[in-house]
PDB file of N, CA and C in Angstrom:
ATOM      1  N   MET A   1      17.895 -17.958  -5.318  1.00  0.00           N
ATOM      2  CA  MET A   1      17.112 -17.492  -6.514  1.00  0.00           C
ATOM      3  C   MET A   1      15.714 -16.135  -5.901  1.00  0.00           C
ATOM      4  N   LEU A   2      14.834 -16.927  -5.540  1.00  0.00           N
ATOM      5  CA  LEU A   2      14.109 -16.077  -5.530  1.00  0.00           C
ATOM      6  C   LEU A   2      13.755 -14.606  -4.669  1.00  0.00           C
ATOM      7  N   ASP A   3      14.938 -15.351  -3.894  1.00  0.00           N
ATOM      8  CA  ASP A   3      15.457 -13.753  -2.982  1.00  0.00           C
ATOM      9  C   ASP A   3      15.264 -12.441  -3.726  1.00  0.00           C
ATOM     10  N   THR A   4      16.380 -12.876  -4.875  1.00  0.00           N
ATOM     11  CA  THR A   4      17.154 -11.608  -6.056  1.00  0.00           C
ATOM     12  C   THR A   4      15.514 -11.351  -6.698  1.00  0.00           C
ATOM     13  N   ILE A   5      14.158 -12.478  -7.312  1.00  0.00           N
ATOM     14  CA  ILE A   5      13.444 -11.187  -7.804  1.00  0.00           C
ATOM     15  C   ILE A   5      12.834 -10.015  -7.893  1.00  0.00           C
ATOM     16  N   LYS A   6      13.432  -9.471  -8.632  1.00  0.00           N
ATOM     17  CA  LYS A   6      11.952  -7.968  -7.446  1.00  0.00           C
ATOM     18  C   LYS A   6      10.328  -8.506  -8.089  1.00  0.00           C
ATOM     19  N   ASN A   7       9.899  -7.800  -7.882  1.00  0.00           N
ATOM     20  CA  ASN A   7       8.294  -7.290  -7.998  1.00  0.00           C
ATOM     21  C   ASN A   7       7.390  -8.951  -7.449  1.00  0.00           C
ATOM     22  N   LYS A   8       8.028  -9.871  -6.892  1.00  0.00           N
ATOM     23  CA  LYS A   8       8.096 -11.359  -6.670  1.00  0.00           C
ATOM     24  C   LYS A   8       6.479 -11.455  -6.741  1.00  0.00           C
ATOM     25  N   ALA A   9       4.939 -10.808  -6.146  1.00  0.00           N
ATOM     26  CA  ALA A   9       3.694 -10.802  -5.115  1.00  0.00           C
ATOM     27  C   ALA A   9       3.490 -10.220  -6.596  1.00  0.00           C
ATOM     28  N   SER A  10       3.869  -9.163  -7.359  1.00  0.00           N
ATOM     29  CA  SER A  10       3.331  -8.378  -8.209  1.00  0.00           C
ATOM     30  C   SER A  10       4.079  -9.572 -10.282  1.00  0.00           C
ATOM     31  N   LEU A  11       4.643 -10.377  -9.659  1.00  0.00           N
ATOM     32  CA  LEU A  11       4.573 -11.356 -10.509  1.00  0.00           C
ATOM     33  C   LEU A  11       3.615 -12.510 -10.796  1.00  0.00           C
ATOM     34  N   ALA A  12       3.460 -12.862  -9.551  1.00  0.00           N
ATOM     35  CA  ALA A  12       1.997 -14.103  -8.846  1.00  0.00           C
ATOM     36  C   ALA A  12       0.937 -13.557  -9.371  1.00  0.00           C
ATOM     37  N   CYS A  13       1.228 -12.307  -8.737  1.00  0.00           N
ATOM     38  CA  CYS A  13      -0.933 -11.926  -9.311  1.00  0.00           C
ATOM     39  C   CYS A  13      -0.998 -12.079 -10.486  1.00  0.00           C
ATOM     40  N   GLN A  14      -0.062 -11.349 -11.598  1.00  0.00           N
ATOM     41  CA  GLN A  14       0.041 -12.124 -12.987  1.00  0.00           C
ATOM     42  C   GLN A  14      -0.447 -12.913 -13.716  1.00  0.00           C
ATOM     43  N   VAL A  15       0.551 -13.938 -13.169  1.00  0.00           N
ATOM     44  CA  VAL A  15       0.673 -15.436 -13.441  1.00  0.00           C
ATOM     45  C   VAL A  15      -0.445 -15.880 -12.644  1.00  0.00           C
ATOM     46  N   ARG A  16      -1.399 -15.522 -11.926  1.00  0.00           N
ATOM     47  CA  ARG A  16      -2.402 -16.442 -11.065  1.00  0.00           C
ATOM     48  C   ARG A  16      -4.104 -15.594 -11.459  1.00  0.00           C
ATOM     49  N   MET A  17      -3.546 -13.891 -11.934  1.00  0.00           N
ATOM     50  CA  MET A  17      -4.712 -13.704 -12.677  1.00  0.00           C
ATOM     51  C   MET A  17      -5.499 -14.120 -14.471  1.00  0.00           C
ATOM     52  N   ASN A  18      -3.998 -13.842 -14.532  1.00  0.00           N
ATOM     53  CA  ASN A  18      -4.447 -15.146 -16.226  1.00  0.00           C
ATOM     54  C   ASN A  18      -4.570 -15.862 -16.511  1.00  0.00           C
ATOM     55  N   ILE A  19      -4.572 -16.839 -15.018  1.00  0.00           N
ATOM     56  CA  ILE A  19      -4.721 -18.457 -15.252  1.00  0.00           C
ATOM     57  C   ILE A  19      -5.181 -19.165 -16.113  1.00  0.00           C
ATOM     58  N   ARG A  20      -7.177 -17.714 -16.008  1.00  0.00           N
ATOM     59  CA  ARG A  20      -7.737 -18.676 -17.455  1.00  0.00           C
ATOM     60  C   ARG A  20      -8.189 -18.009 -18.506  1.00  0.00           C
ATOM     61  N   CYS A  21      -6.702 -16.830 -19.249  1.00  0.00           N
ATOM     62  CA  CYS A  21      -7.431 -16.667 -19.792  1.00  0.00           C
ATOM     63  C   CYS A  21      -5.976 -17.043 -21.261  1.00  0.00           C
ATOM     64  N   LYS A  22      -6.657 -16.941 -22.308  1.00  0.00           N
ATOM     65  CA  LYS A  22      -5.286 -17.480 -23.533  1.00  0.00           C
ATOM     66  C   LYS A  22      -4.554 -16.068 -23.455  1.00  0.00           C
ATOM     67  N   LYS A  23      -4.349 -14.871 -23.562  1.00  0.00           N
ATOM     68  CA  LYS A  23      -3.204 -13.860 -23.950  1.00  0.00           C
ATOM     69  C   LYS A  23      -3.245 -13.456 -22.285  1.00  0.00           C
ATOM     70  N   ASP A  24      -2.441 -13.127 -21.764  1.00  0.00           N
ATOM     71  CA  ASP A  24      -1.779 -12.905 -20.392  1.00  0.00           C
ATOM     72  C   ASP A  24      -1.710 -11.630 -20.930  1.00  0.00           C
ATOM     73  N   MET A  25      -2.614 -11.256 -20.055  1.00  0.00           N
ATOM     74  CA  MET A  25      -1.748  -9.498 -19.731  1.00  0.00           C
ATOM     75  C   MET A  25      -0.917  -8.855 -18.270  1.00  0.00           C
ATOM     76  N   PRO A  26       0.321  -8.212 -18.871  1.00  0.00           N
ATOM     77  CA  PRO A  26       0.671  -7.805 -17.869  1.00  0.00           C
ATOM     78  C   PRO A  26       0.743  -7.274 -16.181  1.00  0.00           C
ATOM     79  N   TYR A  27       1.113  -7.885 -15.600  1.00  0.00           N
ATOM     80  CA  TYR A  27       1.380  -6.525 -13.678  1.00  0.00           C
ATOM     81  C   TYR A  27       0.830  -5.335 -13.714  1.00  0.00           C
ATOM     82  N   GLN A  28       2.296  -5.124 -15.098  1.00  0.00           N
ATOM     83  CA  GLN A  28       2.461  -2.369 -14.976  1.00  0.00           C
ATOM     84  C   GLN A  28       0.587  -2.351 -14.998  1.00  0.00           C
ATOM     85  N   THR A  29      -0.225  -3.525 -16.322  1.00  0.00           N
ATOM     86  CA  THR A  29      -1.462  -3.331 -17.013  1.00  0.00           C
ATOM     87  C   THR A  29      -1.926  -3.037 -15.551  1.00  0.00           C
ATOM     88  N   LEU A  30      -1.950  -3.985 -14.764  1.00  0.00           N
ATOM     89  CA  LEU A  30      -3.560  -3.944 -13.606  1.00  0.00           C
ATOM     90  C   LEU A  30      -3.062  -2.404 -13.112  1.00  0.00           C
ATOM     91  N   VAL A  31      -2.013  -2.254 -12.784  1.00  0.00           N
ATOM     92  CA  VAL A  31      -0.572  -1.412 -12.284  1.00  0.00           C
ATOM     93  C   VAL A  31      -1.080  -0.328 -12.211  1.00  0.00           C
ATOM     94  N   LYS A  32      -1.745   0.591 -14.287  1.00  0.00           N
ATOM     95  CA  LYS A  32      -2.085   1.430 -14.637  1.00  0.00           C
ATOM     96  C   LYS A  32      -3.214   1.272 -13.877  1.00  0.00           C
ATOM     97  N   ILE A  33      -4.283   0.484 -14.708  1.00  0.00           N
ATOM     98  CA  ILE A  33      -5.732   0.196 -14.415  1.00  0.00           C
ATOM     99  C   ILE A  33      -5.817   0.472 -12.736  1.00  0.00           C
ATOM    100  N   LEU A  34      -5.311   0.453 -11.973  1.00  0.00           N
ATOM    101  CA  LEU A  34      -5.459   0.973 -10.374  1.00  0.00           C
ATOM    102  C   LEU A  34      -4.884   2.524  -9.998  1.00  0.00           C
ATOM    103  N   ARG A  35      -4.351   2.756 -10.383  1.00  0.00           N
ATOM    104  CA  ARG A  35      -3.636   4.478 -10.151  1.00  0.00           C
ATOM    105  C   ARG A  35      -4.059   4.734 -11.512  1.00  0.00           C
ATOM    106  N   ASN A  36      -5.827   4.744 -12.234  1.00  0.00           N
ATOM    107  CA  ASN A  36      -6.069   5.441 -12.709  1.00  0.00           C
ATOM    108  C   ASN A  36      -5.788   6.284 -14.380  1.00  0.00           C
ATOM    109  N   GLU A  37      -4.606   5.483 -14.247  1.00  0.00           N
ATOM    110  CA  GLU A  37      -3.603   5.852 -16.144  1.00  0.00           C
ATOM    111  C   GLU A  37      -4.538   5.100 -16.912  1.00  0.00           C
ATOM    112  N   LEU A  38      -5.020   4.253 -17.147  1.00  0.00           N
ATOM    113  CA  LEU A  38      -5.785   3.475 -17.611  1.00  0.00           C
ATOM    114  C   LEU A  38      -6.797   3.498 -17.483  1.00  0.00           C
ATOM    115  N   PRO A  39      -7.811   3.080 -18.355  1.00  0.00           N
ATOM    116  CA  PRO A  39      -9.520   3.386 -17.840  1.00  0.00           C
ATOM    117  C   PRO A  39      -9.089   1.892 -18.005  1.00  0.00           C
ATOM    118  N   TYR A  40      -9.942   1.132 -17.134  1.00  0.00           N
ATOM    119  CA  TYR A  40     -10.596   0.361 -17.197  1.00  0.00           C
ATOM    120  C   TYR A  40     -11.618  -0.199 -17.652  1.00  0.00           C
ATOM    121  N   CYS A  41     -11.725  -0.543 -18.828  1.00  0.00           N
ATOM    122  CA  CYS A  41     -13.002  -1.364 -20.237  1.00  0.00           C
ATOM    123  C   CYS A  41     -13.498  -2.964 -19.352  1.00  0.00           C
ATOM    124  N   LYS A  42     -15.026  -2.561 -19.259  1.00  0.00           N
ATOM    125  CA  LYS A  42     -15.103  -4.631 -19.356  1.00  0.00           C
ATOM    126  C   LYS A  42     -14.594  -5.277 -19.969  1.00  0.00           C
ATOM    127  N   GLU A  43     -14.692  -5.101 -20.882  1.00  0.00           N
ATOM    128  CA  GLU A  43     -14.826  -5.904 -22.248  1.00  0.00           C
ATOM    129  C   GLU A  43     -13.176  -6.496 -22.251  1.00  0.00           C
ATOM    130  N   GLN A  44     -12.625  -5.510 -22.269  1.00  0.00           N
ATOM    131  CA  GLN A  44     -10.581  -6.016 -21.866  1.00  0.00           C
ATOM    132  C   GLN A  44     -10.789  -6.597 -20.998  1.00  0.00           C
ATOM    133  N   HIS A  45     -10.900  -5.833 -19.605  1.00  0.00           N
ATOM    134  CA  HIS A  45      -9.981  -5.936 -18.562  1.00  0.00           C
ATOM    135  C   HIS A  45     -11.078  -7.713 -17.359  1.00  0.00           C
ATOM    136  N   GLN A  46     -11.881  -7.266 -17.507  1.00  0.00           N
ATOM    137  CA  GLN A  46     -12.764  -8.013 -16.753  1.00  0.00           C
ATOM    138  C   GLN A  46     -13.207  -9.401 -16.417  1.00  0.00           C
ATOM    139  N   ARG A  47     -12.275  -9.975 -16.863  1.00  0.00           N
ATOM    140  CA  ARG A  47     -11.945 -11.357 -16.777  1.00  0.00           C
ATOM    141  C   ARG A  47     -10.475 -11.230 -16.445  1.00  0.00           C
ATOM    142  N   TYR A  48      -9.877 -10.560 -16.134  1.00  0.00           N
ATOM    143  CA  TYR A  48      -8.535 -10.483 -15.665  1.00  0.00           C
ATOM    144  C   TYR A  48      -7.906 -10.377 -14.678  1.00  0.00           C
ATOM    145  N   MET A  49      -9.290  -9.100 -13.701  1.00  0.00           N
ATOM    146  CA  MET A  49     -10.363  -8.560 -12.968  1.00  0.00           C
ATOM    147  C   MET A  49     -10.681  -9.461 -11.433  1.00  0.00           C
ATOM    148  N   LEU A  50     -11.234 -10.200 -12.912  1.00  0.00           N
ATOM    149  CA  LEU A  50     -12.009 -11.361 -12.110  1.00  0.00           C
ATOM    150  C   LEU A  50     -11.125 -12.606 -11.426  1.00  0.00           C
ATOM    151  N   GLY A  51      -9.763 -12.741 -12.050  1.00  0.00           N
ATOM    152  CA  GLY A  51      -9.314 -14.087 -12.310  1.00  0.00           C
ATOM    153  C   GLY A  51      -8.409 -12.850 -11.095  1.00  0.00           C
ATOM    154  N   PHE A  52      -7.998 -12.091 -10.568  1.00  0.00           N
ATOM    155  CA  PHE A  52      -6.808 -11.740 -10.112  1.00  0.00           C
ATOM    156  C   PHE A  52      -8.249 -11.445  -8.609  1.00  0.00           C
ATOM    157  N   PHE A  53      -9.363 -11.594  -8.238  1.00  0.00           N
ATOM    158  CA  PHE A  53      -9.833 -10.822  -7.365  1.00  0.00           C
ATOM    159  C   PHE A  53      -9.374 -12.181  -6.608  1.00  0.00           C
ATOM    160  N   GLU A  54     -10.279 -13.960  -7.805  1.00  0.00           N
ATOM    161  CA  GLU A  54     -10.950 -15.106  -7.017  1.00  0.00           C
ATOM    162  C   GLU A  54      -8.989 -16.130  -6.699  1.00  0.00           C
ATOM    163  N   GLU A  55      -7.989 -15.255  -7.156  1.00  0.00           N
ATOM    164  CA  GLU A  55      -7.003 -17.097  -7.983  1.00  0.00           C
ATOM    165  C   GLU A  55      -5.833 -16.071  -6.759  1.00  0.00           C
ATOM    166  N   CYS A  56      -5.802 -14.458  -6.347  1.00  0.00           N
ATOM    167  CA  CYS A  56      -4.738 -13.635  -5.320  1.00  0.00           C
ATOM    168  C   CYS A  56      -5.389 -13.209  -3.935  1.00  0.00           C
ATOM    169  N   TYR A  57      -4.813 -14.305  -3.094  1.00  0.00           N
ATOM    170  CA  TYR A  57      -5.193 -14.357  -1.741  1.00  0.00           C
ATOM    171  C   TYR A  57      -4.953 -13.431  -0.897  1.00  0.00           C
ATOM    172  N   PRO A  58      -5.303 -12.400  -0.753  1.00  0.00           N
ATOM    173  CA  PRO A  58      -5.157 -11.352   1.156  1.00  0.00           C
ATOM    174  C   PRO A  58      -3.907 -11.224   1.066  1.00  0.00           C
ATOM    175  N   SER A  59      -3.066 -12.179   1.874  1.00  0.00           N
ATOM    176  CA  SER A  59      -1.870 -11.679   1.349  1.00  0.00           C
ATOM    177  C   SER A  59      -0.690 -11.281   0.753  1.00  0.00           C
ATOM    178  N   LEU A  60      -0.822 -11.783  -0.230  1.00  0.00           N
ATOM    179  CA  LEU A  60      -0.410 -12.177  -1.460  1.00  0.00           C
ATOM    180  C   LEU A  60      -1.021  -9.895  -1.960  1.00  0.00           C
ATOM    181  N   MET A  61      -1.895  -9.911  -2.350  1.00  0.00           N
ATOM    182  CA  MET A  61      -2.307  -8.181  -2.814  1.00  0.00           C
ATOM    183  C   MET A  61      -2.009  -7.335  -1.918  1.00  0.00           C
ATOM    184  N   LYS A  62      -1.734  -7.478  -0.600  1.00  0.00           N
ATOM    185  CA  LYS A  62      -1.211  -6.769   0.242  1.00  0.00           C
ATOM    186  C   LYS A  62       0.467  -6.582  -0.060  1.00  0.00           C
ATOM    187  N   LYS A  63       1.610  -7.742  -0.668  1.00  0.00           N
ATOM    188  CA  LYS A  63       2.560  -7.239  -1.343  1.00  0.00           C
ATOM    189  C   LYS A  63       2.371  -6.520  -2.391  1.00  0.00           C
ATOM    190  N   PHE A  64       1.377  -6.569  -2.706  1.00  0.00           N
ATOM    191  CA  PHE A  64       1.053  -6.490  -4.765  1.00  0.00           C
ATOM    192  C   PHE A  64       0.986  -5.196  -4.088  1.00  0.00           C
ATOM    193  N   MET A  65       0.068  -4.147  -3.529  1.00  0.00           N
ATOM    194  CA  MET A  65      -0.372  -3.166  -2.939  1.00  0.00           C
ATOM    195  C   MET A  65       0.996  -2.526  -2.831  1.00  0.00           C
ATOM    196  N   LYS A  66       2.133  -2.884  -1.960  1.00  0.00           N
ATOM    197  CA  LYS A  66       3.492  -2.289  -1.183  1.00  0.00           C
ATOM    198  C   LYS A  66       4.324  -1.928  -2.713  1.00  0.00           C
ATOM    199  N   GLU A  67       4.466  -3.618  -2.891  1.00  0.00           N
ATOM    200  CA  GLU A  67       6.305  -3.404  -4.402  1.00  0.00           C
ATOM    201  C   GLU A  67       4.874  -2.675  -5.214  1.00  0.00           C
ATOM    202  N   GLN A  68       3.846  -2.408  -5.308  1.00  0.00           N
ATOM    203  CA  GLN A  68       3.047  -1.080  -6.841  1.00  0.00           C
ATOM    204  C   GLN A  68       2.496   0.674  -6.137  1.00  0.00           C
ATOM    205  N   SER A  69       2.676   0.476  -4.179  1.00  0.00           N
ATOM    206  CA  SER A  69       2.566   1.983  -3.628  1.00  0.00           C
ATOM    207  C   SER A  69       1.147   1.696  -4.557  1.00  0.00           C
ATOM    208  N   ILE A  70       0.400   0.882  -4.426  1.00  0.00           N
ATOM    209  CA  ILE A  70      -1.309   1.022  -4.873  1.00  0.00           C
ATOM    210  C   ILE A  70      -1.673   1.139  -2.861  1.00  0.00           C
ATOM    211  N   SER A  71      -3.108   1.937  -2.743  1.00  0.00           N
ATOM    212  CA  SER A  71      -4.102   2.425  -1.848  1.00  0.00           C
ATOM    213  C   SER A  71      -4.700   0.200  -2.258  1.00  0.00           C
ATOM    214  N   ARG A  72      -5.595   0.397  -0.555  1.00  0.00           N
ATOM    215  CA  ARG A  72      -6.614  -0.466  -0.166  1.00  0.00           C
ATOM    216  C   ARG A  72      -7.268   0.048  -1.414  1.00  0.00           C
ATOM    217  N   ALA A  73      -8.077   1.829  -1.137  1.00  0.00           N
ATOM    218  CA  ALA A  73      -9.265   1.818  -1.660  1.00  0.00           C
ATOM    219  C   ALA A  73      -9.055   1.662  -3.862  1.00  0.00           C
ATOM    220  N   SER A  74      -8.203   1.746  -3.718  1.00  0.00           N
ATOM    221  CA  SER A  74      -8.086   1.729  -5.527  1.00  0.00           C
ATOM    222  C   SER A  74      -8.197  -0.247  -6.012  1.00  0.00           C
ATOM    223  N   ILE A  75      -7.390  -0.735  -5.001  1.00  0.00           N
ATOM    224  CA  ILE A  75      -8.218  -3.079  -4.748  1.00  0.00           C
ATOM    225  C   ILE A  75      -9.651  -2.863  -5.088  1.00  0.00           C
ATOM    226  N   ILE A  76     -10.747  -2.255  -4.283  1.00  0.00           N
ATOM    227  CA  ILE A  76     -11.532  -2.287  -3.020  1.00  0.00           C
ATOM    228  C   ILE A  76     -12.445  -1.976  -3.930  1.00  0.00           C
ATOM    229  N   ASN A  77     -12.111  -0.099  -4.792  1.00  0.00           N
ATOM    230  CA  ASN A  77     -13.607   0.668  -6.409  1.00  0.00           C
ATOM    231  C   ASN A  77     -12.923  -0.464  -7.167  1.00  0.00           C
ATOM    232  N   LEU A  78     -12.308  -1.110  -7.549  1.00  0.00           N
ATOM    233  CA  LEU A  78     -11.313  -2.090  -8.222  1.00  0.00           C
ATOM    234  C   LEU A  78     -12.621  -3.588  -8.155  1.00  0.00           C
ATOM    235  N   PHE A  79     -12.459  -3.495  -6.915  1.00  0.00           N
ATOM    236  CA  PHE A  79     -13.700  -5.318  -7.425  1.00  0.00           C
ATOM    237  C   PHE A  79     -14.708  -4.470  -6.666  1.00  0.00           C
ATOM    238  N   ASN A  80     -15.623  -3.327  -6.803  1.00  0.00           N
ATOM    239  CA  ASN A  80     -17.193  -2.850  -6.466  1.00  0.00           C
ATOM    240  C   ASN A  80     -17.219  -2.874  -8.346  1.00  0.00           C
ATOM    241  N   LEU A  81     -16.126  -2.417  -9.413  1.00  0.00           N
ATOM    242  CA  LEU A  81     -16.698  -2.479 -10.341  1.00  0.00           C
ATOM    243  C   LEU A  81     -17.200  -3.956 -10.394  1.00  0.00           C
ATOM    244  N   MET A  82     -17.124  -5.038 -10.058  1.00  0.00           N
ATOM    245  CA  MET A  82     -17.158  -6.529 -11.077  1.00  0.00           C
ATOM    246  C   MET A  82     -18.604  -7.084 -10.473  1.00  0.00           C
ATOM    247  N   PRO A  83     -19.591  -7.472 -11.477  1.00  0.00           N
ATOM    248  CA  PRO A  83     -20.315  -8.344 -11.096  1.00  0.00           C
ATOM    249  C   PRO A  83     -20.165  -8.964 -10.288  1.00  0.00           C
ATOM    250  N   ASN A  84     -21.217  -9.375  -9.420  1.00  0.00           N
ATOM    251  CA  ASN A  84     -21.716 -10.858  -8.491  1.00  0.00           C
ATOM    252  C   ASN A  84     -21.521 -11.824  -9.668  1.00  0.00           C
ATOM    253  N   GLN A  85     -20.351 -12.937  -9.000  1.00  0.00           N
ATOM    254  CA  GLN A  85     -20.106 -13.928  -9.960  1.00  0.00           C
ATOM    255  C   GLN A  85     -19.121 -14.244  -8.573  1.00  0.00           C
ATOM    256  N   GLY A  86     -19.164 -15.657  -8.568  1.00  0.00           N
ATOM    257  CA  GLY A  86     -18.907 -16.202  -7.856  1.00  0.00           C
ATOM    258  C   GLY A  86     -17.174 -16.609  -7.013  1.00  0.00           C
ATOM    259  N   GLU A  87     -16.719 -15.907  -8.645  1.00  0.00           N
ATOM    260  CA  GLU A  87     -14.997 -14.804  -8.250  1.00  0.00           C
ATOM    261  C   GLU A  87     -15.106 -14.509  -7.106  1.00  0.00           C
ATOM    262  N   LYS A  88     -15.879 -13.617  -6.283  1.00  0.00           N
ATOM    263  CA  LYS A  88     -16.134 -12.859  -5.985  1.00  0.00           C
ATOM    264  C   LYS A  88     -15.779 -12.994  -4.259  1.00  0.00           C
ATOM    265  N   TYR A  89     -16.489 -13.562  -4.411  1.00  0.00           N
ATOM    266  CA  TYR A  89     -16.503 -15.215  -3.019  1.00  0.00           C
ATOM    267  C   TYR A  89     -15.954 -14.634  -1.895  1.00  0.00           C
ATOM    268  N   ASN A  90     -14.039 -14.633  -2.741  1.00  0.00           N
ATOM    269  CA  ASN A  90     -13.342 -15.363  -1.467  1.00  0.00           C
ATOM    270  C   ASN A  90     -12.556 -13.976  -1.339  1.00  0.00           C
ATOM    271  N   PHE A  91     -12.921 -12.961  -2.019  1.00  0.00           N
ATOM    272  CA  PHE A  91     -12.784 -11.492  -1.143  1.00  0.00           C
ATOM    273  C   PHE A  91     -14.033 -10.694  -0.982  1.00  0.00           C
ATOM    274  N   GLU A  92     -14.571 -10.986  -1.268  1.00  0.00           N
ATOM    275  CA  GLU A  92     -16.004 -10.868  -0.409  1.00  0.00           C
ATOM    276  C   GLU A  92     -15.439 -11.230   1.365  1.00  0.00           C
ATOM    277  N   ARG A  93     -15.612 -12.529   0.968  1.00  0.00           N
ATOM    278  CA  ARG A  93     -15.179 -12.966   2.535  1.00  0.00           C
ATOM    279  C   ARG A  93     -13.845 -12.902   3.724  1.00  0.00           C
ATOM    280  N   ALA A  94     -12.781 -11.989   2.450  1.00  0.00           N
ATOM    281  CA  ALA A  94     -11.139 -11.566   3.539  1.00  0.00           C
ATOM    282  C   ALA A  94     -12.286 -10.466   3.882  1.00  0.00           C
ATOM    283  N   LEU A  95     -12.605  -9.112   3.229  1.00  0.00           N
ATOM    284  CA  LEU A  95     -13.311  -8.157   3.995  1.00  0.00           C
ATOM    285  C   LEU A  95     -13.906  -8.071   4.511  1.00  0.00           C
ATOM    286  N   ARG A  96     -14.970  -8.442   5.022  1.00  0.00           N
ATOM    287  CA  ARG A  96     -15.728  -9.086   5.543  1.00  0.00           C
ATOM    288  C   ARG A  96     -15.690  -9.846   7.629  1.00  0.00           C
ATOM    289  N   ASN A  97     -14.407 -10.470   7.238  1.00  0.00           N
ATOM    290  CA  ASN A  97     -13.177 -11.054   8.011  1.00  0.00           C
ATOM    291  C   ASN A  97     -12.097 -10.472   8.026  1.00  0.00           C
ATOM    292  N   GLY A  98     -12.265  -9.056   7.551  1.00  0.00           N
ATOM    293  CA  GLY A  98     -10.236  -7.991   8.429  1.00  0.00           C
ATOM    294  C   GLY A  98      -9.554  -8.828   7.690  1.00  0.00           C
ATOM    295  N   GLU A  99      -9.365  -9.673   7.336  1.00  0.00           N
ATOM    296  CA  GLU A  99      -8.338 -10.483   6.055  1.00  0.00           C
ATOM    297  C   GLU A  99      -7.822  -9.192   5.046  1.00  0.00           C
ATOM    298  N   PHE A 100      -8.560  -8.154   4.634  1.00  0.00           N
ATOM    299  CA  PHE A 100      -7.974  -7.808   3.533  1.00  0.00           C
ATOM    300  C   PHE A 100      -8.517  -6.090   4.532  1.00  0.00           C
TER     301      PHE A 100
END
């Protein structure tokens, strides 16, 4: 069954980035932000983005990027907009260690 689901990584990222939020944000919104089709709004999007960077491991992000044709630079640019908080630790480590 899972092999027939389209956009598996995107859906997994959606679940993970919404883990601490009352209202779900679809992965399509994340894609629009990453493609600069929708402006990033700190008040609206930051908690979802922090969830994305904390909860989505590097290999899942890479699958998401492939599914949605998102560049590594787009992910890093969005990451650099995030405040210095603990949620950034795992992704920072992945960048330092060459995992992403």
